[in-house]
Amino acid sequence: MHTTSSRDCYPATQRTGMSATTDPLNESGAPVSIGLEGARRFPSLVRTLLVQVVAHRRERPWLALVVVPLGIVAATVSLQLWWDVPLAVAVWWWGPTDEPYVWLLGILEGCFGIQWAFIGATCLATFPEHRLLVGVLWISYAGGVAAIGLVNRRRFSRRYGW
């Protein structure tokens, strides 16, 4: 039993409403060149598509302001510096859209985390006889930053829905 597809039954003009020269599935099966006009329009089409994609992105402030900065710290401490650029883009992508510069806060959190990690590691290596004091100061700084984050989270909970 031989079945026919819709491609066999209908010419290109009925199938897509396009002419045979502009239909990518034209009757000859040869690819259709987009031509000079299509090449001129291509950047504007890509720009339009990017604007639509960016306009419809979802806000994920927890990822942008907590998870990704921790990833930036982990990537930098392990000297995988090439990860920092995609993680910075992820902070921007998941950042709140109502305030355009909040993504910089996520990157700054990553920078402060990197400084905290390197200062703590350096102090532990420099003062091996005072490891307890260095550890207490190092962890108390992290606890203070976490407390400030908790206060700000409660302050802005109605705004961001965290």
Foldseek 3Di string as FASTA:
>chain_A
DDDDDPPVVDAPCVVPVDDLQPDCCHPVNDGHDCDPVSVVCVVVVVVVVVVVVLVPFEADQCCLAPVLLVVLLVCVVVPVNVVNVVSLVVNQRNHDPVDNCVSVNNVVSSVVSNVLVVVLVVVCVVCVVPNVVSVVVSVVVVVVVVVVVVVVCVVCCVPPVD
